[in-house]
């Protein structure tokens, strides 16, 4: 997954339960990955604001995880991980 200026690519990612997804910062601006909606009982563990590097997150529950960049949320910088 890429964190670009100002969008996530791809916008939706399918993942298997127990897998780890990695976000890679590829733009010039500051961004974060903050989970807003997760399946009941799932962690909302999110990234810090940064301009480079990576963020990795494992998914132990099936369901839809919706996340945003809090800096650019109003500009539509949103994404989804669907775990099966």
C-alpha atoms as a PDB file:
ATOM      1  CA  UNK A   1       0.000   0.000   0.000  1.00  0.00           C
ATOM      2  CA  UNK A   2       1.290   3.468  -0.832  1.00  0.00           C
ATOM      3  CA  UNK A   3       0.692   6.695   1.056  1.00  0.00           C
ATOM      4  CA  UNK A   4       0.946   9.428  -1.566  1.00  0.00           C
ATOM      5  CA  UNK A   5       0.047  13.126  -1.836  1.00  0.00           C
ATOM      6  CA  UNK A   6      -2.964  13.032  -1.029  1.00  0.00           C
ATOM      7  CA  UNK A   7      -4.375   9.538  -1.541  1.00  0.00           C
ATOM      8  CA  UNK A   8      -3.880   5.899  -0.615  1.00  0.00           C
ATOM      9  CA  UNK A   9      -3.064   3.407  -3.362  1.00  0.00           C
ATOM     10  CA  UNK A  10      -4.837   1.105  -3.709  1.00  0.00           C
ATOM     11  CA  UNK A  11      -7.869   2.611  -1.992  1.00  0.00           C
ATOM     12  CA  UNK A  12      -9.187  -0.845  -1.021  1.00  0.00           C
ATOM     13  CA  UNK A  13      -7.071  -3.861  -0.056  1.00  0.00           C
ATOM     14  CA  UNK A  14      -8.176  -7.460   0.500  1.00  0.00           C
ATOM     15  CA  UNK A  15      -6.229  -9.309   3.191  1.00  0.00           C
ATOM     16  CA  UNK A  16      -6.359 -12.696   4.854  1.00  0.00           C
ATOM     17  CA  UNK A  17      -7.030 -12.947   8.569  1.00  0.00           C
ATOM     18  CA  UNK A  18      -3.711 -13.025  10.429  1.00  0.00           C
ATOM     19  CA  UNK A  19      -1.827 -11.278   7.636  1.00  0.00           C
ATOM     20  CA  UNK A  20       0.162  -8.059   7.891  1.00  0.00           C
ATOM     21  CA  UNK A  21      -0.376  -5.072   5.607  1.00  0.00           C
ATOM     22  CA  UNK A  22       2.405  -2.534   5.012  1.00  0.00           C
ATOM     23  CA  UNK A  23       1.922   1.135   4.090  1.00  0.00           C
ATOM     24  CA  UNK A  24       4.892   2.889   2.437  1.00  0.00           C
ATOM     25  CA  UNK A  25       5.135   6.698   2.419  1.00  0.00           C
ATOM     26  CA  UNK A  26       5.926   7.888  -1.128  1.00  0.00           C
ATOM     27  CA  UNK A  27       4.919  11.548  -1.175  1.00  0.00           C
ATOM     28  CA  UNK A  28       6.366  14.816   0.059  1.00  0.00           C
ATOM     29  CA  UNK A  29       3.661  15.786   2.571  1.00  0.00           C
ATOM     30  CA  UNK A  30       2.970  14.547   6.105  1.00  0.00           C
ATOM     31  CA  UNK A  31       0.327  11.815   6.449  1.00  0.00           C
ATOM     32  CA  UNK A  32      -0.915   9.223   8.913  1.00  0.00           C
ATOM     33  CA  UNK A  33      -3.006   6.045   8.807  1.00  0.00           C
ATOM     34  CA  UNK A  34      -5.731   6.262  11.472  1.00  0.00           C
ATOM     35  CA  UNK A  35      -8.411   3.576  11.784  1.00  0.00           C
ATOM     36  CA  UNK A  36     -11.866   5.102  12.310  1.00  0.00           C
ATOM     37  CA  UNK A  37     -14.112   2.031  12.014  1.00  0.00           C
ATOM     38  CA  UNK A  38     -13.107  -1.537  12.742  1.00  0.00           C
ATOM     39  CA  UNK A  39     -14.981  -4.782  13.497  1.00  0.00           C
ATOM     40  CA  UNK A  40     -16.266  -5.106  17.062  1.00  0.00           C
ATOM     41  CA  UNK A  41     -13.423  -5.938  19.441  1.00  0.00           C
ATOM     42  CA  UNK A  42     -10.671  -5.226  16.893  1.00  0.00           C
ATOM     43  CA  UNK A  43      -7.749  -2.912  17.596  1.00  0.00           C
ATOM     44  CA  UNK A  44      -7.668   0.618  16.198  1.00  0.00           C
ATOM     45  CA  UNK A  45      -3.854   0.680  16.283  1.00  0.00           C
ATOM     46  CA  UNK A  46      -2.764   3.441  13.904  1.00  0.00           C
ATOM     47  CA  UNK A  47       0.373   5.165  12.643  1.00  0.00           C
ATOM     48  CA  UNK A  48       1.894   8.431  13.736  1.00  0.00           C
ATOM     49  CA  UNK A  49       2.118  11.445  11.425  1.00  0.00           C
ATOM     50  CA  UNK A  50       5.216  11.158   9.221  1.00  0.00           C
ATOM     51  CA  UNK A  51       6.670  12.079   5.846  1.00  0.00           C
ATOM     52  CA  UNK A  52       8.601   8.868   5.095  1.00  0.00           C
ATOM     53  CA  UNK A  53       9.004   5.280   6.175  1.00  0.00           C
ATOM     54  CA  UNK A  54       6.503   2.490   6.674  1.00  0.00           C
ATOM     55  CA  UNK A  55       3.679   1.353   8.946  1.00  0.00           C
ATOM     56  CA  UNK A  56       2.766  -2.312   9.404  1.00  0.00           C
ATOM     57  CA  UNK A  57      -0.434  -3.645  10.907  1.00  0.00           C
ATOM     58  CA  UNK A  58      -1.683  -7.201  11.467  1.00  0.00           C
ATOM     59  CA  UNK A  59      -5.376  -8.076  11.231  1.00  0.00           C
ATOM     60  CA  UNK A  60      -6.685 -10.807  13.522  1.00  0.00           C
ATOM     61  CA  UNK A  61     -10.443 -10.355  12.994  1.00  0.00           C
ATOM     62  CA  UNK A  62     -12.481 -10.693   9.823  1.00  0.00           C
ATOM     63  CA  UNK A  63     -14.354  -7.641   8.634  1.00  0.00           C
ATOM     64  CA  UNK A  64     -13.980  -4.179   7.139  1.00  0.00           C
ATOM     65  CA  UNK A  65     -11.428  -1.742   8.536  1.00  0.00           C
ATOM     66  CA  UNK A  66     -11.852   1.883   7.432  1.00  0.00           C
ATOM     67  CA  UNK A  67      -8.987   4.330   7.812  1.00  0.00           C
ATOM     68  CA  UNK A  68      -8.119   7.927   6.942  1.00  0.00           C
ATOM     69  CA  UNK A  69      -5.268  10.384   6.902  1.00  0.00           C
ATOM     70  CA  UNK A  70      -6.412  12.797   9.615  1.00  0.00           C
ATOM     71  CA  UNK A  71      -4.621  15.699   7.906  1.00  0.00           C
ATOM     72  CA  UNK A  72      -6.327  15.167   4.523  1.00  0.00           C
ATOM     73  CA  UNK A  73      -9.559  13.399   5.512  1.00  0.00           C
ATOM     74  CA  UNK A  74     -11.687  16.341   4.299  1.00  0.00           C
ATOM     75  CA  UNK A  75      -9.943  16.009   0.912  1.00  0.00           C
ATOM     76  CA  UNK A  76     -11.119  12.389   0.658  1.00  0.00           C
ATOM     77  CA  UNK A  77      -7.917  10.621   1.757  1.00  0.00           C
ATOM     78  CA  UNK A  78      -9.592   7.416   2.945  1.00  0.00           C
ATOM     79  CA  UNK A  79      -8.977   3.711   2.553  1.00  0.00           C
ATOM     80  CA  UNK A  80     -10.334   0.291   3.432  1.00  0.00           C
ATOM     81  CA  UNK A  81      -8.866  -3.089   4.326  1.00  0.00           C
ATOM     82  CA  UNK A  82     -11.275  -6.023   3.909  1.00  0.00           C
ATOM     83  CA  UNK A  83     -10.163  -9.023   5.944  1.00  0.00           C
ATOM     84  CA  UNK A  84     -11.455 -12.544   5.252  1.00  0.00           C
END
